[in-house]
All heavy atoms as atom14 arrays in JSON, in Angstrom:
{
  "sequence": "AQENPPVPVQVEVRTSRNLNFGTFTAGSAGGNVTVSFDDQRSVD",
  "atom14_mask": [
    [1, 1, 1, 1, 1, 0, 0, 0, 0, 0, 0, 0, 0, 0],
    [1, 1, 1, 1, 1, 1, 1, 1, 1, 0, 0, 0, 0, 0],
    [1, 1, 1, 1, 1, 1, 1, 1, 1, 0, 0, 0, 0, 0],
    [1, 1, 1, 1, 1, 1, 1, 1, 0, 0, 0, 0, 0, 0],
    [1, 1, 1, 1, 1, 1, 1, 0, 0, 0, 0, 0, 0, 0],
    [1, 1, 1, 1, 1, 1, 1, 0, 0, 0, 0, 0, 0, 0],
    [1, 1, 1, 1, 1, 1, 1, 0, 0, 0, 0, 0, 0, 0],
    [1, 1, 1, 1, 1, 1, 1, 0, 0, 0, 0, 0, 0, 0],
    [1, 1, 1, 1, 1, 1, 1, 0, 0, 0, 0, 0, 0, 0],
    [1, 1, 1, 1, 1, 1, 1, 1, 1, 0, 0, 0, 0, 0],
    [1, 1, 1, 1, 1, 1, 1, 0, 0, 0, 0, 0, 0, 0],
    [1, 1, 1, 1, 1, 1, 1, 1, 1, 0, 0, 0, 0, 0],
    [1, 1, 1, 1, 1, 1, 1, 0, 0, 0, 0, 0, 0, 0],
    [1, 1, 1, 1, 1, 1, 1, 1, 1, 1, 1, 0, 0, 0],
    [1, 1, 1, 1, 1, 1, 1, 0, 0, 0, 0, 0, 0, 0],
    [1, 1, 1, 1, 1, 1, 0, 0, 0, 0, 0, 0, 0, 0],
    [1, 1, 1, 1, 1, 1, 1, 1, 1, 1, 1, 0, 0, 0],
    [1, 1, 1, 1, 1, 1, 1, 1, 0, 0, 0, 0, 0, 0],
    [1, 1, 1, 1, 1, 1, 1, 1, 0, 0, 0, 0, 0, 0],
    [1, 1, 1, 1, 1, 1, 1, 1, 0, 0, 0, 0, 0, 0],
    [1, 1, 1, 1, 1, 1, 1, 1, 1, 1, 1, 0, 0, 0],
    [1, 1, 1, 1, 0, 0, 0, 0, 0, 0, 0, 0, 0, 0],
    [1, 1, 1, 1, 1, 1, 1, 0, 0, 0, 0, 0, 0, 0],
    [1, 1, 1, 1, 1, 1, 1, 1, 1, 1, 1, 0, 0, 0],
    [1, 1, 1, 1, 1, 1, 1, 0, 0, 0, 0, 0, 0, 0],
    [1, 1, 1, 1, 1, 0, 0, 0, 0, 0, 0, 0, 0, 0],
    [1, 1, 1, 1, 0, 0, 0, 0, 0, 0, 0, 0, 0, 0],
    [1, 1, 1, 1, 1, 1, 0, 0, 0, 0, 0, 0, 0, 0],
    [1, 1, 1, 1, 1, 0, 0, 0, 0, 0, 0, 0, 0, 0],
    [1, 1, 1, 1, 0, 0, 0, 0, 0, 0, 0, 0, 0, 0],
    [1, 1, 1, 1, 0, 0, 0, 0, 0, 0, 0, 0, 0, 0],
    [1, 1, 1, 1, 1, 1, 1, 1, 0, 0, 0, 0, 0, 0],
    [1, 1, 1, 1, 1, 1, 1, 0, 0, 0, 0, 0, 0, 0],
    [1, 1, 1, 1, 1, 1, 1, 0, 0, 0, 0, 0, 0, 0],
    [1, 1, 1, 1, 1, 1, 1, 0, 0, 0, 0, 0, 0, 0],
    [1, 1, 1, 1, 1, 1, 0, 0, 0, 0, 0, 0, 0, 0],
    [1, 1, 1, 1, 1, 1, 1, 1, 1, 1, 1, 0, 0, 0],
    [1, 1, 1, 1, 1, 1, 1, 1, 0, 0, 0, 0, 0, 0],
    [1, 1, 1, 1, 1, 1, 1, 1, 0, 0, 0, 0, 0, 0],
    [1, 1, 1, 1, 1, 1, 1, 1, 1, 0, 0, 0, 0, 0],
    [1, 1, 1, 1, 1, 1, 1, 1, 1, 1, 1, 0, 0, 0],
    [1, 1, 1, 1, 1, 1, 0, 0, 0, 0, 0, 0, 0, 0],
    [1, 1, 1, 1, 1, 1, 1, 0, 0, 0, 0, 0, 0, 0],
    [1, 1, 1, 1, 1, 1, 1, 1, 0, 0, 0, 0, 0, 0]
  ],
  "atom14_positions": [
    [[0.87, -1.18, 0.0], [0.0, 0.0, 0.0], [0.9, 1.22, 0.0], [2.11, 1.12, 0.15], [-0.9, -0.01, 1.23], [0.0, 0.0, 0.0], [0.0, 0.0, 0.0], [0.0, 0.0, 0.0], [0.0, 0.0, 0.0], [0.0, 0.0, 0.0], [0.0, 0.0, 0.0], [0.0, 0.0, 0.0], [0.0, 0.0, 0.0], [0.0, 0.0, 0.0]],
    [[0.31, 2.4, -0.2], [1.09, 3.62, -0.19], [1.66, 3.85, 1.2], [0.98, 3.72, 2.21], [0.22, 4.81, -0.58], [1.01, 6.1, -0.64], [0.15, 7.24, -1.15], [-0.94, 7.02, -1.64], [0.65, 8.46, -1.01], [0.0, 0.0, 0.0], [0.0, 0.0, 0.0], [0.0, 0.0, 0.0], [0.0, 0.0, 0.0], [0.0, 0.0, 0.0]],
    [[2.92, 4.2, 1.22], [3.61, 4.45, 2.49], [3.12, 5.75, 3.1], [2.91, 6.74, 2.4], [5.11, 4.54, 2.21], [5.94, 4.77, 3.43], [7.42, 4.85, 3.1], [7.83, 4.35, 2.05], [8.15, 5.43, 3.9], [0.0, 0.0, 0.0], [0.0, 0.0, 0.0], [0.0, 0.0, 0.0], [0.0, 0.0, 0.0], [0.0, 0.0, 0.0]],
    [[2.93, 5.74, 4.4], [2.57, 6.97, 5.1], [3.77, 7.91, 5.12], [4.92, 7.46, 5.16], [2.15, 6.67, 6.54], [0.82, 5.98, 6.6], [-0.05, 6.23, 5.76], [0.64, 5.11, 7.57], [0.0, 0.0, 0.0], [0.0, 0.0, 0.0], [0.0, 0.0, 0.0], [0.0, 0.0, 0.0], [0.0, 0.0, 0.0], [0.0, 0.0, 0.0]],
    [[3.52, 9.23, 5.07], [4.64, 10.17, 5.13], [5.32, 10.08, 6.5], [4.71, 9.65, 7.47], [3.98, 11.53, 4.93], [2.56, 11.33, 5.29], [2.24, 9.89, 5.01], [0.0, 0.0, 0.0], [0.0, 0.0, 0.0], [0.0, 0.0, 0.0], [0.0, 0.0, 0.0], [0.0, 0.0, 0.0], [0.0, 0.0, 0.0], [0.0, 0.0, 0.0]],
    [[6.58, 10.5, 6.57], [7.26, 10.5, 7.87], [6.49, 11.37, 8.87], [5.96, 12.4, 8.52], [8.63, 11.11, 7.56], [8.8, 10.99, 6.1], [7.43, 10.97, 5.5], [0.0, 0.0, 0.0], [0.0, 0.0, 0.0], [0.0, 0.0, 0.0], [0.0, 0.0, 0.0], [0.0, 0.0, 0.0], [0.0, 0.0, 0.0], [0.0, 0.0, 0.0]],
    [[6.45, 10.9, 10.09], [5.74, 11.62, 11.13], [6.76, 12.17, 12.1], [7.66, 11.45, 12.5], [4.74, 10.69, 11.85], [4.05, 11.4, 12.99], [3.73, 10.15, 10.85], [0.0, 0.0, 0.0], [0.0, 0.0, 0.0], [0.0, 0.0, 0.0], [0.0, 0.0, 0.0], [0.0, 0.0, 0.0], [0.0, 0.0, 0.0], [0.0, 0.0, 0.0]],
    [[6.72, 13.39, 12.52], [5.77, 14.4, 12.09], [6.18, 15.02, 10.76], [7.35, 15.05, 10.41], [5.84, 15.44, 13.21], [7.24, 15.32, 13.72], [7.61, 13.86, 13.58], [0.0, 0.0, 0.0], [0.0, 0.0, 0.0], [0.0, 0.0, 0.0], [0.0, 0.0, 0.0], [0.0, 0.0, 0.0], [0.0, 0.0, 0.0], [0.0, 0.0, 0.0]],
    [[5.2, 15.51, 10.03], [5.47, 16.22, 8.78], [5.98, 17.6, 9.16], [5.35, 18.31, 9.93], [4.19, 16.33, 7.92], [4.46, 17.18, 6.7], [3.69, 14.96, 7.53], [0.0, 0.0, 0.0], [0.0, 0.0, 0.0], [0.0, 0.0, 0.0], [0.0, 0.0, 0.0], [0.0, 0.0, 0.0], [0.0, 0.0, 0.0], [0.0, 0.0, 0.0]],
    [[7.15, 17.96, 8.64], [7.72, 19.26, 8.96], [7.81, 20.1, 7.7], [8.2, 19.59, 6.65], [9.11, 19.09, 9.58], [9.06, 18.41, 10.92], [10.43, 18.35, 11.57], [11.4, 18.88, 11.06], [10.51, 17.71, 12.72], [0.0, 0.0, 0.0], [0.0, 0.0, 0.0], [0.0, 0.0, 0.0], [0.0, 0.0, 0.0], [0.0, 0.0, 0.0]],
    [[7.44, 21.35, 7.82], [7.52, 22.29, 6.71], [8.28, 23.51, 7.21], [8.0, 24.03, 8.28], [6.11, 22.71, 6.23], [6.2, 23.77, 5.15], [5.34, 21.5, 5.73], [0.0, 0.0, 0.0], [0.0, 0.0, 0.0], [0.0, 0.0, 0.0], [0.0, 0.0, 0.0], [0.0, 0.0, 0.0], [0.0, 0.0, 0.0], [0.0, 0.0, 0.0]],
    [[9.25, 23.93, 6.42], [10.01, 25.14, 6.74], [9.91, 26.08, 5.55], [10.08, 25.65, 4.4], [11.47, 24.81, 7.02], [12.29, 26.02, 7.39], [13.76, 25.68, 7.65], [14.08, 24.51, 7.86], [14.57, 26.63, 7.61], [0.0, 0.0, 0.0], [0.0, 0.0, 0.0], [0.0, 0.0, 0.0], [0.0, 0.0, 0.0], [0.0, 0.0, 0.0]],
    [[9.64, 27.35, 5.81], [9.51, 28.35, 4.75], [10.51, 29.46, 5.01], [10.57, 29.99, 6.12], [8.07, 28.93, 4.69], [7.96, 29.96, 3.58], [7.05, 27.81, 4.5], [0.0, 0.0, 0.0], [0.0, 0.0, 0.0], [0.0, 0.0, 0.0], [0.0, 0.0, 0.0], [0.0, 0.0, 0.0], [0.0, 0.0, 0.0], [0.0, 0.0, 0.0]],
    [[11.27, 29.79, 3.97], [12.26, 30.88, 4.08], [11.98, 31.91, 2.99], [11.72, 31.56, 1.84], [13.68, 30.35, 3.88], [14.11, 29.34, 4.92], [15.5, 28.84, 4.63], [15.82, 27.69, 5.47], [16.82, 26.86, 5.23], [17.63, 27.07, 4.21], [17.02, 25.83, 6.03], [0.0, 0.0, 0.0], [0.0, 0.0, 0.0], [0.0, 0.0, 0.0]],
    [[12.06, 33.18, 3.35], [11.91, 34.24, 2.36], [13.24, 34.41, 1.63], [14.25, 34.69, 2.25], [11.52, 35.57, 3.04], [10.33, 35.37, 3.79], [11.31, 36.66, 2.01], [0.0, 0.0, 0.0], [0.0, 0.0, 0.0], [0.0, 0.0, 0.0], [0.0, 0.0, 0.0], [0.0, 0.0, 0.0], [0.0, 0.0, 0.0], [0.0, 0.0, 0.0]],
    [[13.21, 34.25, 0.31], [14.43, 34.41, -0.49], [14.49, 35.74, -1.21], [15.56, 36.23, -1.54], [14.53, 33.29, -1.53], [14.79, 32.07, -0.89], [0.0, 0.0, 0.0], [0.0, 0.0, 0.0], [0.0, 0.0, 0.0], [0.0, 0.0, 0.0], [0.0, 0.0, 0.0], [0.0, 0.0, 0.0], [0.0, 0.0, 0.0], [0.0, 0.0, 0.0]],
    [[13.32, 36.32, -1.51], [13.29, 37.59, -2.23], [11.99, 38.31, -1.88], [10.94, 37.7, -1.75], [13.36, 37.32, -3.74], [13.5, 38.55, -4.58], [13.75, 38.22, -6.03], [12.53, 37.67, -6.62], [12.49, 37.11, -7.83], [13.57, 36.98, -8.54], [11.36, 36.65, -8.3], [0.0, 0.0, 0.0], [0.0, 0.0, 0.0], [0.0, 0.0, 0.0]],
    [[12.08, 39.63, -1.73], [10.91, 40.44, -1.38], [10.13, 40.86, -2.62], [10.69, 40.95, -3.72], [11.34, 41.68, -0.6], [11.88, 41.33, 0.76], [11.36, 40.47, 1.44], [12.96, 41.99, 1.15], [0.0, 0.0, 0.0], [0.0, 0.0, 0.0], [0.0, 0.0, 0.0], [0.0, 0.0, 0.0], [0.0, 0.0, 0.0], [0.0, 0.0, 0.0]],
    [[8.85, 41.15, -2.42], [8.0, 41.68, -3.48], [8.37, 43.15, -3.69], [8.43, 43.93, -2.74], [6.53, 41.55, -3.04], [5.45, 42.06, -3.97], [5.51, 41.38, -5.33], [4.08, 41.83, -3.33], [0.0, 0.0, 0.0], [0.0, 0.0, 0.0], [0.0, 0.0, 0.0], [0.0, 0.0, 0.0], [0.0, 0.0, 0.0], [0.0, 0.0, 0.0]],
    [[8.65, 43.52, -4.96], [9.07, 44.89, -5.25], [8.33, 45.37, -6.5], [8.4, 44.73, -7.55], [10.58, 44.95, -5.47], [11.09, 46.36, -5.44], [10.41, 47.3, -5.85], [12.31, 46.53, -4.96], [0.0, 0.0, 0.0], [0.0, 0.0, 0.0], [0.0, 0.0, 0.0], [0.0, 0.0, 0.0], [0.0, 0.0, 0.0], [0.0, 0.0, 0.0]],
    [[7.65, 46.5, -6.39], [6.86, 47.03, -7.49], [7.65, 47.97, -8.39], [7.12, 48.5, -9.35], [5.62, 47.74, -6.93], [4.64, 46.77, -6.35], [4.73, 46.39, -5.02], [3.64, 46.23, -7.12], [3.85, 45.49, -4.48], [2.74, 45.31, -6.59], [2.85, 44.95, -5.26], [0.0, 0.0, 0.0], [0.0, 0.0, 0.0], [0.0, 0.0, 0.0]],
    [[8.93, 48.2, -8.09], [9.76, 49.07, -8.91], [9.38, 50.52, -8.73], [8.77, 50.92, -7.74], [0.0, 0.0, 0.0], [0.0, 0.0, 0.0], [0.0, 0.0, 0.0], [0.0, 0.0, 0.0], [0.0, 0.0, 0.0], [0.0, 0.0, 0.0], [0.0, 0.0, 0.0], [0.0, 0.0, 0.0], [0.0, 0.0, 0.0], [0.0, 0.0, 0.0]],
    [[9.73, 51.34, -9.71], [9.49, 52.77, -9.66], [8.35, 53.13, -10.61], [8.32, 52.67, -11.76], [10.76, 53.53, -10.06], [11.84, 53.07, -9.23], [10.61, 55.02, -9.88], [0.0, 0.0, 0.0], [0.0, 0.0, 0.0], [0.0, 0.0, 0.0], [0.0, 0.0, 0.0], [0.0, 0.0, 0.0], [0.0, 0.0, 0.0], [0.0, 0.0, 0.0]],
    [[7.44, 53.96, -10.13], [6.31, 54.41, -10.95], [5.85, 55.76, -10.41], [6.25, 56.18, -9.32], [5.16, 53.39, -10.94], [4.64, 53.08, -9.57], [3.59, 53.82, -9.03], [5.19, 52.06, -8.81], [3.11, 53.55, -7.76], [4.71, 51.77, -7.54], [3.67, 52.52, -7.01], [0.0, 0.0, 0.0], [0.0, 0.0, 0.0], [0.0, 0.0, 0.0]],
    [[5.01, 56.42, -11.17], [4.43, 57.67, -10.72], [2.92, 57.6, -10.91], [2.44, 56.87, -11.78], [5.04, 58.88, -11.46], [4.54, 60.08, -10.87], [4.73, 58.85, -12.94], [0.0, 0.0, 0.0], [0.0, 0.0, 0.0], [0.0, 0.0, 0.0], [0.0, 0.0, 0.0], [0.0, 0.0, 0.0], [0.0, 0.0, 0.0], [0.0, 0.0, 0.0]],
    [[2.2, 58.33, -10.1], [0.73, 58.3, -10.15], [0.19, 59.68, -10.48], [0.64, 60.68, -9.93], [0.18, 57.84, -8.8], [0.0, 0.0, 0.0], [0.0, 0.0, 0.0], [0.0, 0.0, 0.0], [0.0, 0.0, 0.0], [0.0, 0.0, 0.0], [0.0, 0.0, 0.0], [0.0, 0.0, 0.0], [0.0, 0.0, 0.0], [0.0, 0.0, 0.0]],
    [[-0.77, 59.71, -11.41], [-1.49, 60.95, -11.72], [-2.55, 61.18, -10.66], [-2.59, 60.52, -9.62], [0.0, 0.0, 0.0], [0.0, 0.0, 0.0], [0.0, 0.0, 0.0], [0.0, 0.0, 0.0], [0.0, 0.0, 0.0], [0.0, 0.0, 0.0], [0.0, 0.0, 0.0], [0.0, 0.0, 0.0], [0.0, 0.0, 0.0], [0.0, 0.0, 0.0]],
    [[-3.48, 62.07, -10.94], [-4.48, 62.45, -9.94], [-5.63, 61.46, -9.79], [-6.36, 61.52, -8.81], [-5.04, 63.83, -10.28], [-5.65, 63.79, -11.55], [0.0, 0.0, 0.0], [0.0, 0.0, 0.0], [0.0, 0.0, 0.0], [0.0, 0.0, 0.0], [0.0, 0.0, 0.0], [0.0, 0.0, 0.0], [0.0, 0.0, 0.0], [0.0, 0.0, 0.0]],
    [[-5.8, 60.53, -10.72], [-6.96, 59.62, -10.67], [-6.67, 58.3, -9.96], [-7.56, 57.49, -9.78], [-7.47, 59.34, -12.09], [0.0, 0.0, 0.0], [0.0, 0.0, 0.0], [0.0, 0.0, 0.0], [0.0, 0.0, 0.0], [0.0, 0.0, 0.0], [0.0, 0.0, 0.0], [0.0, 0.0, 0.0], [0.0, 0.0, 0.0], [0.0, 0.0, 0.0]],
    [[-5.42, 58.04, -9.58], [-5.09, 56.78, -8.92], [-5.11, 55.6, -9.88], [-5.21, 55.78, -11.09], [0.0, 0.0, 0.0], [0.0, 0.0, 0.0], [0.0, 0.0, 0.0], [0.0, 0.0, 0.0], [0.0, 0.0, 0.0], [0.0, 0.0, 0.0], [0.0, 0.0, 0.0], [0.0, 0.0, 0.0], [0.0, 0.0, 0.0], [0.0, 0.0, 0.0]],
    [[-5.01, 54.42, -9.35], [-5.01, 53.22, -10.19], [-4.35, 52.05, -9.47], [-4.23, 52.05, -8.24], [0.0, 0.0, 0.0], [0.0, 0.0, 0.0], [0.0, 0.0, 0.0], [0.0, 0.0, 0.0], [0.0, 0.0, 0.0], [0.0, 0.0, 0.0], [0.0, 0.0, 0.0], [0.0, 0.0, 0.0], [0.0, 0.0, 0.0], [0.0, 0.0, 0.0]],
    [[-3.9, 51.08, -10.25], [-3.29, 49.87, -9.7], [-1.94, 49.58, -10.35], [-1.75, 49.83, -11.54], [-4.2, 48.66, -9.94], [-5.52, 48.79, -9.25], [-5.58, 49.12, -8.07], [-6.6, 48.54, -9.97], [0.0, 0.0, 0.0], [0.0, 0.0, 0.0], [0.0, 0.0, 0.0], [0.0, 0.0, 0.0], [0.0, 0.0, 0.0], [0.0, 0.0, 0.0]],
    [[-1.04, 49.04, -9.55], [0.24, 48.51, -10.05], [0.26, 47.05, -9.62], [0.12, 46.73, -8.44], [1.45, 49.26, -9.44], [2.75, 48.67, -9.97], [1.37, 50.74, -9.71], [0.0, 0.0, 0.0], [0.0, 0.0, 0.0], [0.0, 0.0, 0.0], [0.0, 0.0, 0.0], [0.0, 0.0, 0.0], [0.0, 0.0, 0.0], [0.0, 0.0, 0.0]],
    [[0.44, 46.16, -10.6], [0.43, 44.73, -10.32], [1.75, 44.11, -10.75], [2.27, 44.4, -11.83], [-0.73, 44.04, -11.08], [-1.96, 44.61, -10.64], [-0.75, 42.54, -10.83], [0.0, 0.0, 0.0], [0.0, 0.0, 0.0], [0.0, 0.0, 0.0], [0.0, 0.0, 0.0], [0.0, 0.0, 0.0], [0.0, 0.0, 0.0], [0.0, 0.0, 0.0]],
    [[2.29, 43.25, -9.89], [3.44, 42.43, -10.23], [2.97, 40.98, -10.12], [2.5, 40.55, -9.07], [4.64, 42.68, -9.29], [5.76, 41.68, -9.55], [5.15, 44.1, -9.46], [0.0, 0.0, 0.0], [0.0, 0.0, 0.0], [0.0, 0.0, 0.0], [0.0, 0.0, 0.0], [0.0, 0.0, 0.0], [0.0, 0.0, 0.0], [0.0, 0.0, 0.0]],
    [[3.08, 40.25, -11.24], [2.65, 38.85, -11.24], [3.75, 37.96, -10.67], [4.89, 38.41, -10.48], [2.31, 38.41, -12.66], [3.47, 38.46, -13.47], [0.0, 0.0, 0.0], [0.0, 0.0, 0.0], [0.0, 0.0, 0.0], [0.0, 0.0, 0.0], [0.0, 0.0, 0.0], [0.0, 0.0, 0.0], [0.0, 0.0, 0.0], [0.0, 0.0, 0.0]],
    [[3.42, 36.71, -10.41], [4.39, 35.78, -9.84], [5.61, 35.59, -10.73], [6.66, 35.19, -10.27], [3.73, 34.42, -9.53], [3.36, 33.63, -10.75], [4.3, 32.83, -11.39], [2.08, 33.68, -11.26], [3.96, 32.11, -12.51], [1.74, 32.96, -12.38], [2.68, 32.17, -13.01], [0.0, 0.0, 0.0], [0.0, 0.0, 0.0], [0.0, 0.0, 0.0]],
    [[5.49, 35.92, -12.04], [6.63, 35.76, -12.95], [7.32, 37.09, -13.25], [7.9, 37.28, -14.32], [6.2, 35.04, -14.23], [5.1, 35.77, -14.98], [4.54, 36.77, -14.46], [4.76, 35.34, -16.09], [0.0, 0.0, 0.0], [0.0, 0.0, 0.0], [0.0, 0.0, 0.0], [0.0, 0.0, 0.0], [0.0, 0.0, 0.0], [0.0, 0.0, 0.0]],
    [[7.26, 38.03, -12.31], [7.99, 39.31, -12.36], [7.51, 40.26, -13.44], [8.24, 41.17, -13.84], [9.5, 39.08, -12.53], [10.13, 38.33, -11.38], [9.62, 38.44, -10.26], [11.14, 37.63, -11.62], [0.0, 0.0, 0.0], [0.0, 0.0, 0.0], [0.0, 0.0, 0.0], [0.0, 0.0, 0.0], [0.0, 0.0, 0.0], [0.0, 0.0, 0.0]],
    [[6.29, 40.12, -13.92], [5.76, 41.02, -14.94], [4.94, 42.11, -14.26], [4.02, 41.83, -13.48], [4.88, 40.25, -15.94], [5.62, 39.15, -16.67], [6.8, 39.69, -17.45], [6.65, 40.63, -18.25], [7.96, 39.1, -17.24], [0.0, 0.0, 0.0], [0.0, 0.0, 0.0], [0.0, 0.0, 0.0], [0.0, 0.0, 0.0], [0.0, 0.0, 0.0]],
    [[5.27, 43.38, -14.56], [4.54, 44.5, -13.98], [3.54, 45.03, -14.99], [3.83, 45.16, -16.17], [5.51, 45.62, -13.57], [4.8, 46.83, -12.99], [5.73, 47.85, -12.42], [6.59, 48.42, -13.45], [7.49, 49.36, -13.22], [7.65, 49.85, -12.02], [8.26, 49.82, -14.2], [0.0, 0.0, 0.0], [0.0, 0.0, 0.0], [0.0, 0.0, 0.0]],
    [[2.35, 45.36, -14.49], [1.35, 46.03, -15.32], [0.71, 47.13, -14.49], [0.69, 47.07, -13.26], [0.29, 45.03, -15.81], [-0.38, 44.45, -14.72], [0.0, 0.0, 0.0], [0.0, 0.0, 0.0], [0.0, 0.0, 0.0], [0.0, 0.0, 0.0], [0.0, 0.0, 0.0], [0.0, 0.0, 0.0], [0.0, 0.0, 0.0], [0.0, 0.0, 0.0]],
    [[0.22, 48.15, -15.18], [-0.41, 49.28, -14.5], [-1.74, 49.57, -15.18], [-1.94, 49.25, -16.35], [0.48, 50.55, -14.53], [1.78, 50.32, -13.77], [0.77, 51.0, -15.94], [0.0, 0.0, 0.0], [0.0, 0.0, 0.0], [0.0, 0.0, 0.0], [0.0, 0.0, 0.0], [0.0, 0.0, 0.0], [0.0, 0.0, 0.0], [0.0, 0.0, 0.0]],
    [[-2.65, 50.18, -14.42], [-3.89, 50.67, -15.01], [-4.29, 51.95, -14.28], [-3.69, 52.33, -13.28], [-5.01, 49.62, -14.99], [-5.44, 49.21, -13.59], [-5.27, 49.99, -12.64], [-5.98, 48.09, -13.45], [0.0, 0.0, 0.0], [0.0, 0.0, 0.0], [0.0, 0.0, 0.0], [0.0, 0.0, 0.0], [0.0, 0.0, 0.0], [0.0, 0.0, 0.0]]
  ]
}
């Protein structure tokens, strides 16, 4: 049968890089700046 995972299951998470939206400027109407998981920036 399928083997049970090792007990206890341990998960460790380390931050390797911070989320960065780069440099932009905003006009008077506001809007959104989006950075996707693949480092693509878009604005509206």
